[in-house]
Structures are given as C-alpha cells and as structure tokens.
Amino acid sequence: MRDKTQANSAAPGDRLIRAGAIVFFVGAVATLVTVAPFLLGTTPFPTFMFGLSMLMGVGFLVAGAGVFRSIAVGRRQARQAAAR
C-alpha cells in the first residue's frame, strides 16, 4: 500500500514522458503554423522549419527516455519484491 506522498508524486519516468510530450506538442504546433502559409502558397519554404522539426525529435527522445526509465524502475521494484 502506498502512502499519500507516493500516491501524489509522479514517478521520474512519468515526468520525463510528460515533459517530452509537451516539447513534442509545441514543436508540432509550431511546425504546422510555420508550414501552413507555405502550403497556401503565400510564403517561400521556411528553412527554420527544420529546427522546429528537431524540437519535435527532442521531445520524442525525452519521452522515450521516460519510458525506458519507467521500465527500469518497474524492473528494479519487481526484483526487490522477488528478493523478499
């Protein structure tokens, strides 16, 4: 049974996943806003869009690191429970 402090706090992996999702979402929205005028034919292709796409990639990597951290924590807890 978890106490209240554990129940209210997110696991480190969960925080990484949430942060990565936010960064990815910001990058995706910024990319769409940047590309929309190009697709409508009103502006030339924005070269800095590649940087925005990289922002999405960074968010994806951070979220992936959170997933792997959650897996590692789960395995560690399972080993500790099996050792008891």
PDB file of N, CA and C in Angstrom:
ATOM      1  N   MET A   1       0.851  -1.184   0.000  1.00  0.00           N
ATOM      2  CA  MET A   1       0.000   0.000   0.000  1.00  0.00           C
ATOM      3  C   MET A   1       0.891   1.239   0.000  1.00  0.00           C
ATOM      4  N   ARG A   2       0.594   2.156  -0.879  1.00  0.00           N
ATOM      5  CA  ARG A   2       1.383   3.377  -0.985  1.00  0.00           C
ATOM      6  C   ARG A   2       0.838   4.436  -0.038  1.00  0.00           C
ATOM      7  N   ASP A   3       1.731   5.241   0.513  1.00  0.00           N
ATOM      8  CA  ASP A   3       1.251   6.326   1.364  1.00  0.00           C
ATOM      9  C   ASP A   3       0.878   7.520   0.481  1.00  0.00           C
ATOM     10  N   LYS A   4       0.323   8.560   1.102  1.00  0.00           N
ATOM     11  CA  LYS A   4      -0.185   9.693   0.335  1.00  0.00           C
ATOM     12  C   LYS A   4       0.910  10.403  -0.445  1.00  0.00           C
ATOM     13  N   THR A   5       2.108  10.505   0.117  1.00  0.00           N
ATOM     14  CA  THR A   5       3.170  11.218  -0.592  1.00  0.00           C
ATOM     15  C   THR A   5       3.565  10.473  -1.851  1.00  0.00           C
ATOM     16  N   GLN A   6       3.559   9.149  -1.823  1.00  0.00           N
ATOM     17  CA  GLN A   6       3.878   8.389  -3.023  1.00  0.00           C
ATOM     18  C   GLN A   6       2.747   8.471  -4.036  1.00  0.00           C
ATOM     19  N   ALA A   7       1.535   8.421  -3.579  1.00  0.00           N
ATOM     20  CA  ALA A   7       0.399   8.427  -4.491  1.00  0.00           C
ATOM     21  C   ALA A   7       0.276   9.753  -5.232  1.00  0.00           C
ATOM     22  N   ASN A   8       0.674  10.842  -4.592  1.00  0.00           N
ATOM     23  CA  ASN A   8       0.528  12.160  -5.208  1.00  0.00           C
ATOM     24  C   ASN A   8       1.709  12.559  -6.075  1.00  0.00           C
ATOM     25  N   SER A   9       2.836  11.898  -5.925  1.00  0.00           N
ATOM     26  CA  SER A   9       4.003  12.278  -6.704  1.00  0.00           C
ATOM     27  C   SER A   9       4.137  11.371  -7.918  1.00  0.00           C
ATOM     28  N   ALA A  10       4.492  11.967  -9.035  1.00  0.00           N
ATOM     29  CA  ALA A  10       4.679  11.192 -10.260  1.00  0.00           C
ATOM     30  C   ALA A  10       6.064  10.545 -10.249  1.00  0.00           C
ATOM     31  N   ALA A  11       6.159   9.404 -10.859  1.00  0.00           N
ATOM     32  CA  ALA A  11       7.447   8.724 -10.977  1.00  0.00           C
ATOM     33  C   ALA A  11       8.361   9.541 -11.886  1.00  0.00           C
ATOM     34  N   PRO A  12       9.681   9.410 -11.712  1.00  0.00           N
ATOM     35  CA  PRO A  12      10.597  10.184 -12.566  1.00  0.00           C
ATOM     36  C   PRO A  12      10.358   9.931 -14.056  1.00  0.00           C
ATOM     37  N   GLY A  13      10.054   8.690 -14.419  1.00  0.00           N
ATOM     38  CA  GLY A  13       9.778   8.392 -15.818  1.00  0.00           C
ATOM     39  C   GLY A  13       8.529   9.086 -16.313  1.00  0.00           C
ATOM     40  N   ASP A  14       7.526   9.183 -15.446  1.00  0.00           N
ATOM     41  CA  ASP A  14       6.285   9.863 -15.830  1.00  0.00           C
ATOM     42  C   ASP A  14       6.528  11.338 -16.097  1.00  0.00           C
ATOM     43  N   ARG A  15       7.383  11.941 -15.294  1.00  0.00           N
ATOM     44  CA  ARG A  15       7.691  13.362 -15.503  1.00  0.00           C
ATOM     45  C   ARG A  15       8.418  13.572 -16.825  1.00  0.00           C
ATOM     46  N   LEU A  16       9.342  12.652 -17.158  1.00  0.00           N
ATOM     47  CA  LEU A  16      10.052  12.765 -18.437  1.00  0.00           C
ATOM     48  C   LEU A  16       9.094  12.585 -19.608  1.00  0.00           C
ATOM     49  N   ILE A  17       8.185  11.638 -19.486  1.00  0.00           N
ATOM     50  CA  ILE A  17       7.215  11.408 -20.556  1.00  0.00           C
ATOM     51  C   ILE A  17       6.351  12.645 -20.751  1.00  0.00           C
ATOM     52  N   ARG A  18       5.890  13.224 -19.652  1.00  0.00           N
ATOM     53  CA  ARG A  18       5.050  14.418 -19.741  1.00  0.00           C
ATOM     54  C   ARG A  18       5.823  15.585 -20.359  1.00  0.00           C
ATOM     55  N   ALA A  19       7.066  15.790 -19.929  1.00  0.00           N
ATOM     56  CA  ALA A  19       7.881  16.883 -20.477  1.00  0.00           C
ATOM     57  C   ALA A  19       8.148  16.666 -21.963  1.00  0.00           C
ATOM     58  N   GLY A  20       8.462  15.424 -22.338  1.00  0.00           N
ATOM     59  CA  GLY A  20       8.698  15.129 -23.747  1.00  0.00           C
ATOM     60  C   GLY A  20       7.464  15.342 -24.598  1.00  0.00           C
ATOM     61  N   ALA A  21       6.311  14.969 -24.059  1.00  0.00           N
ATOM     62  CA  ALA A  21       5.065  15.165 -24.802  1.00  0.00           C
ATOM     63  C   ALA A  21       4.777  16.646 -25.001  1.00  0.00           C
ATOM     64  N   ILE A  22       5.058  17.446 -23.997  1.00  0.00           N
ATOM     65  CA  ILE A  22       4.829  18.897 -24.113  1.00  0.00           C
ATOM     66  C   ILE A  22       5.755  19.496 -25.165  1.00  0.00           C
ATOM     67  N   VAL A  23       7.046  19.130 -25.119  1.00  0.00           N
ATOM     68  CA  VAL A  23       8.006  19.661 -26.095  1.00  0.00           C
ATOM     69  C   VAL A  23       7.619  19.217 -27.504  1.00  0.00           C
ATOM     70  N   PHE A  24       7.240  17.946 -27.649  1.00  0.00           N
ATOM     71  CA  PHE A  24       6.826  17.441 -28.962  1.00  0.00           C
ATOM     72  C   PHE A  24       5.607  18.205 -29.467  1.00  0.00           C
ATOM     73  N   PHE A  25       4.626  18.423 -28.593  1.00  0.00           N
ATOM     74  CA  PHE A  25       3.406  19.114 -28.990  1.00  0.00           C
ATOM     75  C   PHE A  25       3.710  20.554 -29.404  1.00  0.00           C
ATOM     76  N   VAL A  26       4.555  21.242 -28.646  1.00  0.00           N
ATOM     77  CA  VAL A  26       4.927  22.621 -29.002  1.00  0.00           C
ATOM     78  C   VAL A  26       5.619  22.644 -30.360  1.00  0.00           C
ATOM     79  N   GLY A  27       6.538  21.695 -30.573  1.00  0.00           N
ATOM     80  CA  GLY A  27       7.221  21.616 -31.864  1.00  0.00           C
ATOM     81  C   GLY A  27       6.269  21.312 -33.002  1.00  0.00           C
ATOM     82  N   ALA A  28       5.315  20.421 -32.756  1.00  0.00           N
ATOM     83  CA  ALA A  28       4.350  20.068 -33.804  1.00  0.00           C
ATOM     84  C   ALA A  28       3.464  21.256 -34.165  1.00  0.00           C
ATOM     85  N   VAL A  29       2.983  21.958 -33.166  1.00  0.00           N
ATOM     86  CA  VAL A  29       2.131  23.122 -33.434  1.00  0.00           C
ATOM     87  C   VAL A  29       2.920  24.213 -34.145  1.00  0.00           C
ATOM     88  N   ALA A  30       4.137  24.463 -33.686  1.00  0.00           N
ATOM     89  CA  ALA A  30       4.963  25.492 -34.332  1.00  0.00           C
ATOM     90  C   ALA A  30       5.276  25.107 -35.776  1.00  0.00           C
ATOM     91  N   THR A  31       5.510  23.820 -36.017  1.00  0.00           N
ATOM     92  CA  THR A  31       5.778  23.374 -37.383  1.00  0.00           C
ATOM     93  C   THR A  31       4.547  23.570 -38.264  1.00  0.00           C
ATOM     94  N   LEU A  32       3.377  23.208 -37.747  1.00  0.00           N
ATOM     95  CA  LEU A  32       2.157  23.380 -38.538  1.00  0.00           C
ATOM     96  C   LEU A  32       1.871  24.850 -38.835  1.00  0.00           C
ATOM     97  N   VAL A  33       2.085  25.702 -37.837  1.00  0.00           N
ATOM     98  CA  VAL A  33       1.847  27.138 -38.040  1.00  0.00           C
ATOM     99  C   VAL A  33       2.833  27.702 -39.054  1.00  0.00           C
ATOM    100  N   THR A  34       4.046  27.180 -39.041  1.00  0.00           N
ATOM    101  CA  THR A  34       5.071  27.665 -39.962  1.00  0.00           C
ATOM    102  C   THR A  34       4.828  27.172 -41.384  1.00  0.00           C
ATOM    103  N   VAL A  35       4.382  25.937 -41.516  1.00  0.00           N
ATOM    104  CA  VAL A  35       4.223  25.340 -42.839  1.00  0.00           C
ATOM    105  C   VAL A  35       2.914  25.759 -43.505  1.00  0.00           C
ATOM    106  N   ALA A  36       1.908  26.113 -42.732  1.00  0.00           N
ATOM    107  CA  ALA A  36       0.599  26.448 -43.305  1.00  0.00           C
ATOM    108  C   ALA A  36       0.677  27.546 -44.381  1.00  0.00           C
ATOM    109  N   PRO A  37       1.353  28.674 -44.150  1.00  0.00           N
ATOM    110  CA  PRO A  37       1.426  29.693 -45.215  1.00  0.00           C
ATOM    111  C   PRO A  37       2.161  29.188 -46.459  1.00  0.00           C
ATOM    112  N   PHE A  38       3.165  28.337 -46.256  1.00  0.00           N
ATOM    113  CA  PHE A  38       3.878  27.764 -47.407  1.00  0.00           C
ATOM    114  C   PHE A  38       2.939  26.893 -48.232  1.00  0.00           C
ATOM    115  N   LEU A  39       2.142  26.070 -47.543  1.00  0.00           N
ATOM    116  CA  LEU A  39       1.211  25.198 -48.256  1.00  0.00           C
ATOM    117  C   LEU A  39       0.130  25.992 -48.975  1.00  0.00           C
ATOM    118  N   LEU A  40      -0.213  27.149 -48.425  1.00  0.00           N
ATOM    119  CA  LEU A  40      -1.200  28.013 -49.068  1.00  0.00           C
ATOM    120  C   LEU A  40      -0.593  28.830 -50.212  1.00  0.00           C
ATOM    121  N   GLY A  41       0.721  28.792 -50.338  1.00  0.00           N
ATOM    122  CA  GLY A  41       1.397  29.483 -51.427  1.00  0.00           C
ATOM    123  C   GLY A  41       1.663  30.942 -51.177  1.00  0.00           C
ATOM    124  N   THR A  42       1.596  31.385 -49.929  1.00  0.00           N
ATOM    125  CA  THR A  42       1.781  32.812 -49.653  1.00  0.00           C
ATOM    126  C   THR A  42       3.213  33.168 -49.262  1.00  0.00           C
ATOM    127  N   THR A  43       4.018  32.182 -48.856  1.00  0.00           N
ATOM    128  CA  THR A  43       5.397  32.474 -48.455  1.00  0.00           C
ATOM    129  C   THR A  43       6.322  31.401 -49.023  1.00  0.00           C
ATOM    130  N   PRO A  44       7.608  31.709 -49.158  1.00  0.00           N
ATOM    131  CA  PRO A  44       8.558  30.670 -49.576  1.00  0.00           C
ATOM    132  C   PRO A  44       8.751  29.643 -48.453  1.00  0.00           C
ATOM    133  N   PHE A  45       9.400  28.554 -48.795  1.00  0.00           N
ATOM    134  CA  PHE A  45       9.593  27.489 -47.815  1.00  0.00           C
ATOM    135  C   PHE A  45      10.439  27.995 -46.650  1.00  0.00           C
ATOM    136  N   PRO A  46       9.948  27.867 -45.427  1.00  0.00           N
ATOM    137  CA  PRO A  46      10.707  28.359 -44.260  1.00  0.00           C
ATOM    138  C   PRO A  46      11.826  27.379 -43.882  1.00  0.00           C
ATOM    139  N   THR A  47      13.056  27.834 -44.005  1.00  0.00           N
ATOM    140  CA  THR A  47      14.179  26.932 -43.715  1.00  0.00           C
ATOM    141  C   THR A  47      14.298  26.646 -42.221  1.00  0.00           C
ATOM    142  N   PHE A  48      13.846  27.548 -41.364  1.00  0.00           N
ATOM    143  CA  PHE A  48      13.951  27.297 -39.925  1.00  0.00           C
ATOM    144  C   PHE A  48      12.941  26.248 -39.461  1.00  0.00           C
ATOM    145  N   MET A  49      12.086  25.783 -40.378  1.00  0.00           N
ATOM    146  CA  MET A  49      11.155  24.726 -40.025  1.00  0.00           C
ATOM    147  C   MET A  49      11.910  23.456 -39.632  1.00  0.00           C
ATOM    148  N   PHE A  50      13.087  23.262 -40.176  1.00  0.00           N
ATOM    149  CA  PHE A  50      13.872  22.090 -39.816  1.00  0.00           C
ATOM    150  C   PHE A  50      14.216  22.119 -38.322  1.00  0.00           C
ATOM    151  N   GLY A  51      14.484  23.304 -37.799  1.00  0.00           N
ATOM    152  CA  GLY A  51      14.737  23.437 -36.364  1.00  0.00           C
ATOM    153  C   GLY A  51      13.518  23.081 -35.543  1.00  0.00           C
ATOM    154  N   LEU A  52      12.350  23.461 -36.027  1.00  0.00           N
ATOM    155  CA  LEU A  52      11.118  23.115 -35.320  1.00  0.00           C
ATOM    156  C   LEU A  52      10.885  21.608 -35.357  1.00  0.00           C
ATOM    157  N   SER A  53      11.209  20.995 -36.475  1.00  0.00           N
ATOM    158  CA  SER A  53      11.089  19.538 -36.563  1.00  0.00           C
ATOM    159  C   SER A  53      12.067  18.864 -35.607  1.00  0.00           C
ATOM    160  N   MET A  54      13.237  19.468 -35.455  1.00  0.00           N
ATOM    161  CA  MET A  54      14.208  18.919 -34.497  1.00  0.00           C
ATOM    162  C   MET A  54      13.674  19.042 -33.074  1.00  0.00           C
ATOM    163  N   LEU A  55      12.937  20.098 -32.802  1.00  0.00           N
ATOM    164  CA  LEU A  55      12.309  20.250 -31.491  1.00  0.00           C
ATOM    165  C   LEU A  55      11.343  19.098 -31.238  1.00  0.00           C
ATOM    166  N   MET A  56      10.608  18.707 -32.251  1.00  0.00           N
ATOM    167  CA  MET A  56       9.724  17.558 -32.118  1.00  0.00           C
ATOM    168  C   MET A  56      10.539  16.297 -31.834  1.00  0.00           C
ATOM    169  N   GLY A  57      11.661  16.154 -32.512  1.00  0.00           N
ATOM    170  CA  GLY A  57      12.516  14.986 -32.285  1.00  0.00           C
ATOM    171  C   GLY A  57      13.069  14.946 -30.877  1.00  0.00           C
ATOM    172  N   VAL A  58      13.448  16.087 -30.353  1.00  0.00           N
ATOM    173  CA  VAL A  58      13.949  16.149 -28.971  1.00  0.00           C
ATOM    174  C   VAL A  58      12.848  15.746 -28.003  1.00  0.00           C
ATOM    175  N   GLY A  59      11.652  16.224 -28.225  1.00  0.00           N
ATOM    176  CA  GLY A  59      10.527  15.836 -27.374  1.00  0.00           C
ATOM    177  C   GLY A  59      10.276  14.344 -27.419  1.00  0.00           C
ATOM    178  N   PHE A  60      10.376  13.775 -28.611  1.00  0.00           N
ATOM    179  CA  PHE A  60      10.194  12.337 -28.774  1.00  0.00           C
ATOM    180  C   PHE A  60      11.268  11.564 -28.012  1.00  0.00           C
ATOM    181  N   LEU A  61      12.509  12.030 -28.092  1.00  0.00           N
ATOM    182  CA  LEU A  61      13.610  11.357 -27.381  1.00  0.00           C
ATOM    183  C   LEU A  61      13.453  11.465 -25.865  1.00  0.00           C
ATOM    184  N   VAL A  62      13.036  12.618 -25.373  1.00  0.00           N
ATOM    185  CA  VAL A  62      12.843  12.793 -23.933  1.00  0.00           C
ATOM    186  C   VAL A  62      11.721  11.880 -23.439  1.00  0.00           C
ATOM    187  N   ALA A  63      10.640  11.818 -24.194  1.00  0.00           N
ATOM    188  CA  ALA A  63       9.546  10.922 -23.806  1.00  0.00           C
ATOM    189  C   ALA A  63       9.994   9.467 -23.842  1.00  0.00           C
ATOM    190  N   GLY A  64      10.792   9.109 -24.831  1.00  0.00           N
ATOM    191  CA  GLY A  64      11.334   7.748 -24.905  1.00  0.00           C
ATOM    192  C   GLY A  64      12.227   7.427 -23.722  1.00  0.00           C
ATOM    193  N   ALA A  65      13.030   8.408 -23.309  1.00  0.00           N
ATOM    194  CA  ALA A  65      13.870   8.204 -22.124  1.00  0.00           C
ATOM    195  C   ALA A  65      13.004   7.982 -20.892  1.00  0.00           C
ATOM    196  N   GLY A  66      11.888   8.679 -20.820  1.00  0.00           N
ATOM    197  CA  GLY A  66      10.964   8.480 -19.702  1.00  0.00           C
ATOM    198  C   GLY A  66      10.370   7.088 -19.694  1.00  0.00           C
ATOM    199  N   VAL A  67      10.050   6.576 -20.879  1.00  0.00           N
ATOM    200  CA  VAL A  67       9.516   5.210 -20.973  1.00  0.00           C
ATOM    201  C   VAL A  67      10.558   4.215 -20.475  1.00  0.00           C
ATOM    202  N   PHE A  68      11.792   4.362 -20.938  1.00  0.00           N
ATOM    203  CA  PHE A  68      12.843   3.434 -20.506  1.00  0.00           C
ATOM    204  C   PHE A  68      13.129   3.561 -19.016  1.00  0.00           C
ATOM    205  N   ARG A  69      13.027   4.764 -18.492  1.00  0.00           N
ATOM    206  CA  ARG A  69      13.247   4.938 -17.055  1.00  0.00           C
ATOM    207  C   ARG A  69      12.130   4.274 -16.256  1.00  0.00           C
ATOM    208  N   SER A  70      10.903   4.403 -16.739  1.00  0.00           N
ATOM    209  CA  SER A  70       9.783   3.739 -16.064  1.00  0.00           C
ATOM    210  C   SER A  70       9.956   2.220 -16.086  1.00  0.00           C
ATOM    211  N   ILE A  71      10.414   1.697 -17.202  1.00  0.00           N
ATOM    212  CA  ILE A  71      10.653   0.255 -17.297  1.00  0.00           C
ATOM    213  C   ILE A  71      11.736  -0.166 -16.315  1.00  0.00           C
ATOM    214  N   ALA A  72      12.813   0.617 -16.240  1.00  0.00           N
ATOM    215  CA  ALA A  72      13.908   0.283 -15.326  1.00  0.00           C
ATOM    216  C   ALA A  72      13.444   0.313 -13.872  1.00  0.00           C
ATOM    217  N   VAL A  73      12.653   1.312 -13.510  1.00  0.00           N
ATOM    218  CA  VAL A  73      12.146   1.403 -12.144  1.00  0.00           C
ATOM    219  C   VAL A  73      11.223   0.228 -11.847  1.00  0.00           C
ATOM    220  N   GLY A  74      10.377  -0.140 -12.798  1.00  0.00           N
ATOM    221  CA  GLY A  74       9.484  -1.278 -12.608  1.00  0.00           C
ATOM    222  C   GLY A  74      10.243  -2.578 -12.431  1.00  0.00           C
ATOM    223  N   ARG A  75      11.293  -2.764 -13.216  1.00  0.00           N
ATOM    224  CA  ARG A  75      12.105  -3.979 -13.074  1.00  0.00           C
ATOM    225  C   ARG A  75      12.816  -4.015 -11.725  1.00  0.00           C
ATOM    226  N   ARG A  76      13.322  -2.857 -11.317  1.00  0.00           N
ATOM    227  CA  ARG A  76      14.012  -2.796 -10.023  1.00  0.00           C
ATOM    228  C   ARG A  76      13.061  -3.137  -8.888  1.00  0.00           C
ATOM    229  N   GLN A  77      11.852  -2.587  -8.957  1.00  0.00           N
ATOM    230  CA  GLN A  77      10.861  -2.879  -7.916  1.00  0.00           C
ATOM    231  C   GLN A  77      10.450  -4.350  -7.938  1.00  0.00           C
ATOM    232  N   ALA A  78      10.358  -4.940  -9.127  1.00  0.00           N
ATOM    233  CA  ALA A  78       9.993  -6.350  -9.221  1.00  0.00           C
ATOM    234  C   ALA A  78      11.097  -7.232  -8.639  1.00  0.00           C
ATOM    235  N   ARG A  79      12.356  -6.865  -8.883  1.00  0.00           N
ATOM    236  CA  ARG A  79      13.474  -7.629  -8.310  1.00  0.00           C
ATOM    237  C   ARG A  79      13.481  -7.524  -6.799  1.00  0.00           C
ATOM    238  N   GLN A  80      13.222  -6.313  -6.289  1.00  0.00           N
ATOM    239  CA  GLN A  80      13.199  -6.139  -4.844  1.00  0.00           C
ATOM    240  C   GLN A  80      12.065  -6.916  -4.211  1.00  0.00           C
ATOM    241  N   ALA A  81      10.915  -6.966  -4.877  1.00  0.00           N
ATOM    242  CA  ALA A  81       9.773  -7.708  -4.339  1.00  0.00           C
ATOM    243  C   ALA A  81      10.046  -9.202  -4.382  1.00  0.00           C
ATOM    244  N   ALA A  82      10.743  -9.676  -5.401  1.00  0.00           N
ATOM    245  CA  ALA A  82      11.054 -11.095  -5.519  1.00  0.00           C
ATOM    246  C   ALA A  82      12.116 -11.507  -4.517  1.00  0.00           C
ATOM    247  N   ALA A  83      12.976 -10.574  -4.124  1.00  0.00           N
ATOM    248  CA  ALA A  83      14.039 -10.895  -3.174  1.00  0.00           C
ATOM    249  C   ALA A  83      13.520 -11.007  -1.745  1.00  0.00           C
ATOM    250  N   ARG A  84      12.352 -10.494  -1.482  1.00  0.00           N
ATOM    251  CA  ARG A  84      11.802 -10.522  -0.130  1.00  0.00           C
ATOM    252  C   ARG A  84      11.253 -11.858   0.226  1.00  0.00           C
TER     253      ARG A  84
END
